[in-house]
Amino acid sequence: QRYPFQSIAVVAYIYIPTSLTFSSILFGATLLHRKVISENELGIASIIVISSCFVSCVLMQEIHLPNVSTQRVYLPCMDPSFGEEEQFWEQWVWEALDFSSHSRFVWSNIFGVNIIRGFN
């Protein structure tokens, strides 16, 4: 109820990219086993595939499902109470690992895209 389109987002932005990344790494491992590529090449290619998949998923989800799903890596059961001193670090981690705000910044300031926030 809190994130109404989360089931769509899980398939589109978690299951499919994870399957693609995992199959790419397995293909690379096959090439490594056949001595077509080296361990360093496999490592560099894996880092590139994983990073590009993560960045593109975060950016695309913010465009296609704005304000209905979250890009937060840290989701506590209860949102931290702002202003309470004992929860300072939890608040800081909660805000720092919210990739929605980072991706909105990238879309608006670098690409000039205005994301409409009309679902909330």
C-alpha atoms as a PDB file:
ATOM      1  CA  GLN A   1       0.000   0.000   0.000  1.00  0.00           C
ATOM      2  CA  ARG A   2       2.893   2.358   0.724  1.00  0.00           C
ATOM      3  CA  TYR A   3       4.566   1.600  -2.629  1.00  0.00           C
ATOM      4  CA  PRO A   4       1.694   0.700  -4.989  1.00  0.00           C
ATOM      5  CA  PHE A   5       3.758  -0.150  -8.096  1.00  0.00           C
ATOM      6  CA  GLN A   6       6.522  -1.983  -6.292  1.00  0.00           C
ATOM      7  CA  SER A   7       5.559  -5.337  -7.827  1.00  0.00           C
ATOM      8  CA  ILE A   8       6.024  -3.890 -11.323  1.00  0.00           C
ATOM      9  CA  ALA A   9       9.308  -2.327 -10.295  1.00  0.00           C
ATOM     10  CA  VAL A  10      10.614  -5.571  -8.813  1.00  0.00           C
ATOM     11  CA  VAL A  11      10.198  -7.378 -12.128  1.00  0.00           C
ATOM     12  CA  ALA A  12      11.332  -4.545 -14.381  1.00  0.00           C
ATOM     13  CA  TYR A  13      14.143  -3.130 -12.290  1.00  0.00           C
ATOM     14  CA  ILE A  14      15.356  -6.000 -10.111  1.00  0.00           C
ATOM     15  CA  TYR A  15      14.586  -9.375 -11.694  1.00  0.00           C
ATOM     16  CA  ILE A  16      15.432  -8.552 -15.320  1.00  0.00           C
ATOM     17  CA  PRO A  17      18.672  -6.617 -14.611  1.00  0.00           C
ATOM     18  CA  THR A  18      19.800  -9.281 -12.130  1.00  0.00           C
ATOM     19  CA  SER A  19      19.156 -12.026 -14.680  1.00  0.00           C
ATOM     20  CA  LEU A  20      21.002 -10.090 -17.377  1.00  0.00           C
ATOM     21  CA  THR A  21      23.970  -9.357 -15.118  1.00  0.00           C
ATOM     22  CA  PHE A  22      24.171 -12.914 -13.791  1.00  0.00           C
ATOM     23  CA  SER A  23      23.998 -14.442 -17.274  1.00  0.00           C
ATOM     24  CA  SER A  24      26.658 -11.989 -18.523  1.00  0.00           C
ATOM     25  CA  ILE A  25      28.975 -12.969 -15.673  1.00  0.00           C
ATOM     26  CA  LEU A  26      28.383 -16.665 -16.362  1.00  0.00           C
ATOM     27  CA  PHE A  27      29.138 -16.112 -20.044  1.00  0.00           C
ATOM     28  CA  GLY A  28      32.333 -14.328 -19.017  1.00  0.00           C
ATOM     29  CA  ALA A  29      33.209 -17.214 -16.704  1.00  0.00           C
ATOM     30  CA  THR A  30      32.741 -19.590 -19.638  1.00  0.00           C
ATOM     31  CA  LEU A  31      35.124 -17.491 -21.723  1.00  0.00           C
ATOM     32  CA  LEU A  32      37.576 -17.442 -18.813  1.00  0.00           C
ATOM     33  CA  HIS A  33      37.361 -21.224 -18.424  1.00  0.00           C
ATOM     34  CA  ARG A  34      38.070 -21.632 -22.163  1.00  0.00           C
ATOM     35  CA  LYS A  35      41.003 -19.205 -21.777  1.00  0.00           C
ATOM     36  CA  VAL A  36      39.540 -16.713 -24.259  1.00  0.00           C
ATOM     37  CA  ILE A  37      39.808 -13.866 -21.720  1.00  0.00           C
ATOM     38  CA  SER A  38      41.950 -13.305 -18.632  1.00  0.00           C
ATOM     39  CA  GLU A  39      40.825 -12.910 -15.021  1.00  0.00           C
ATOM     40  CA  ASN A  40      41.470  -9.163 -15.196  1.00  0.00           C
ATOM     41  CA  GLU A  41      39.336  -8.822 -18.318  1.00  0.00           C
ATOM     42  CA  LEU A  42      36.518 -10.762 -16.648  1.00  0.00           C
ATOM     43  CA  GLY A  43      36.754  -8.546 -13.567  1.00  0.00           C
ATOM     44  CA  ILE A  44      36.754  -5.307 -15.551  1.00  0.00           C
ATOM     45  CA  ALA A  45      33.887  -6.477 -17.777  1.00  0.00           C
ATOM     46  CA  SER A  46      31.869  -7.570 -14.719  1.00  0.00           C
ATOM     47  CA  ILE A  47      32.389  -4.214 -13.023  1.00  0.00           C
ATOM     48  CA  ILE A  48      31.308  -2.383 -16.188  1.00  0.00           C
ATOM     49  CA  VAL A  49      28.190  -4.545 -16.666  1.00  0.00           C
ATOM     50  CA  ILE A  50      27.118  -4.329 -13.015  1.00  0.00           C
ATOM     51  CA  SER A  51      27.748  -0.570 -12.740  1.00  0.00           C
ATOM     52  CA  SER A  52      26.015   0.321 -15.986  1.00  0.00           C
ATOM     53  CA  CYS A  53      23.057  -1.902 -15.135  1.00  0.00           C
ATOM     54  CA  PHE A  54      22.703  -0.339 -11.677  1.00  0.00           C
ATOM     55  CA  VAL A  55      22.974   3.253 -12.917  1.00  0.00           C
ATOM     56  CA  SER A  56      20.616   2.751 -15.850  1.00  0.00           C
ATOM     57  CA  CYS A  57      18.021   1.008 -13.650  1.00  0.00           C
ATOM     58  CA  VAL A  58      18.079   3.771 -11.051  1.00  0.00           C
ATOM     59  CA  LEU A  59      17.731   6.482 -13.705  1.00  0.00           C
ATOM     60  CA  MET A  60      15.044   4.699 -15.756  1.00  0.00           C
ATOM     61  CA  GLN A  61      12.938   3.782 -12.743  1.00  0.00           C
ATOM     62  CA  GLU A  62      12.868   7.399 -11.657  1.00  0.00           C
ATOM     63  CA  ILE A  63      11.531   8.388 -15.099  1.00  0.00           C
ATOM     64  CA  HIS A  64       9.010   5.568 -15.619  1.00  0.00           C
ATOM     65  CA  LEU A  65       7.789   5.092 -12.027  1.00  0.00           C
ATOM     66  CA  PRO A  66       8.305   8.473 -10.366  1.00  0.00           C
ATOM     67  CA  ASN A  67       7.341   8.783  -6.731  1.00  0.00           C
ATOM     68  CA  VAL A  68       5.670   5.374  -6.566  1.00  0.00           C
ATOM     69  CA  SER A  69       8.700   3.216  -5.920  1.00  0.00           C
ATOM     70  CA  THR A  70      11.803   3.919  -3.957  1.00  0.00           C
ATOM     71  CA  GLN A  71      15.476   3.917  -4.775  1.00  0.00           C
ATOM     72  CA  ARG A  72      16.407   3.744  -1.114  1.00  0.00           C
ATOM     73  CA  VAL A  73      19.003   1.105  -0.365  1.00  0.00           C
ATOM     74  CA  TYR A  74      18.313   1.328   3.377  1.00  0.00           C
ATOM     75  CA  LEU A  75      14.651   0.871   4.328  1.00  0.00           C
ATOM     76  CA  PRO A  76      14.085   0.702   8.083  1.00  0.00           C
ATOM     77  CA  CYS A  77      10.763  -0.604   9.376  1.00  0.00           C
ATOM     78  CA  MET A  78       9.929   2.854  10.739  1.00  0.00           C
ATOM     79  CA  ASP A  79      11.122   6.048   9.077  1.00  0.00           C
ATOM     80  CA  PRO A  80      13.706   7.739  11.300  1.00  0.00           C
ATOM     81  CA  SER A  81      12.375  10.624  13.368  1.00  0.00           C
ATOM     82  CA  PHE A  82      14.085  13.759  12.168  1.00  0.00           C
ATOM     83  CA  GLY A  83      15.493  16.065  14.774  1.00  0.00           C
ATOM     84  CA  GLU A  84      16.144  13.418  17.419  1.00  0.00           C
ATOM     85  CA  GLU A  85      19.826  13.373  18.355  1.00  0.00           C
ATOM     86  CA  GLU A  86      20.045   9.632  19.045  1.00  0.00           C
ATOM     87  CA  GLN A  87      18.908   8.844  15.479  1.00  0.00           C
ATOM     88  CA  PHE A  88      21.328  11.215  13.745  1.00  0.00           C
ATOM     89  CA  TRP A  89      23.364   8.478  12.044  1.00  0.00           C
ATOM     90  CA  GLU A  90      20.276   6.553  10.986  1.00  0.00           C
ATOM     91  CA  GLN A  91      18.846   9.707   9.413  1.00  0.00           C
ATOM     92  CA  TRP A  92      22.132  10.410   7.670  1.00  0.00           C
ATOM     93  CA  VAL A  93      22.373   6.867   6.233  1.00  0.00           C
ATOM     94  CA  TRP A  94      18.692   6.938   5.254  1.00  0.00           C
ATOM     95  CA  GLU A  95      19.149  10.167   3.275  1.00  0.00           C
ATOM     96  CA  ALA A  96      22.589   9.320   1.833  1.00  0.00           C
ATOM     97  CA  LEU A  97      21.403   5.978   0.446  1.00  0.00           C
ATOM     98  CA  ASP A  98      18.267   7.418  -1.162  1.00  0.00           C
ATOM     99  CA  PHE A  99      19.230   7.150  -4.813  1.00  0.00           C
ATOM    100  CA  SER A 100      15.921   8.705  -5.914  1.00  0.00           C
ATOM    101  CA  SER A 101      17.140  12.144  -4.902  1.00  0.00           C
ATOM    102  CA  HIS A 102      20.468  11.536  -6.632  1.00  0.00           C
ATOM    103  CA  SER A 103      18.813  10.382  -9.850  1.00  0.00           C
ATOM    104  CA  ARG A 104      16.384  13.327  -9.812  1.00  0.00           C
ATOM    105  CA  PHE A 105      19.413  15.604  -9.514  1.00  0.00           C
ATOM    106  CA  VAL A 106      21.070  13.912 -12.508  1.00  0.00           C
ATOM    107  CA  TRP A 107      17.919  14.082 -14.649  1.00  0.00           C
ATOM    108  CA  SER A 108      17.131  17.710 -13.851  1.00  0.00           C
ATOM    109  CA  ASN A 109      20.593  19.291 -13.694  1.00  0.00           C
ATOM    110  CA  ILE A 110      22.566  17.267 -16.220  1.00  0.00           C
ATOM    111  CA  PHE A 111      19.939  16.181 -18.761  1.00  0.00           C
ATOM    112  CA  GLY A 112      17.431  19.006 -18.199  1.00  0.00           C
ATOM    113  CA  VAL A 113      14.489  16.619 -17.697  1.00  0.00           C
ATOM    114  CA  ASN A 114      11.721  17.786 -15.384  1.00  0.00           C
ATOM    115  CA  ILE A 115      10.224  14.814 -13.562  1.00  0.00           C
ATOM    116  CA  ILE A 116       6.546  15.330 -12.746  1.00  0.00           C
ATOM    117  CA  ARG A 117       5.733  14.198  -9.214  1.00  0.00           C
ATOM    118  CA  GLY A 118       1.985  13.787  -9.465  1.00  0.00           C
ATOM    119  CA  PHE A 119       1.349  10.425  -7.817  1.00  0.00           C
ATOM    120  CA  ASN A 120       1.588  11.415  -4.164  1.00  0.00           C
END
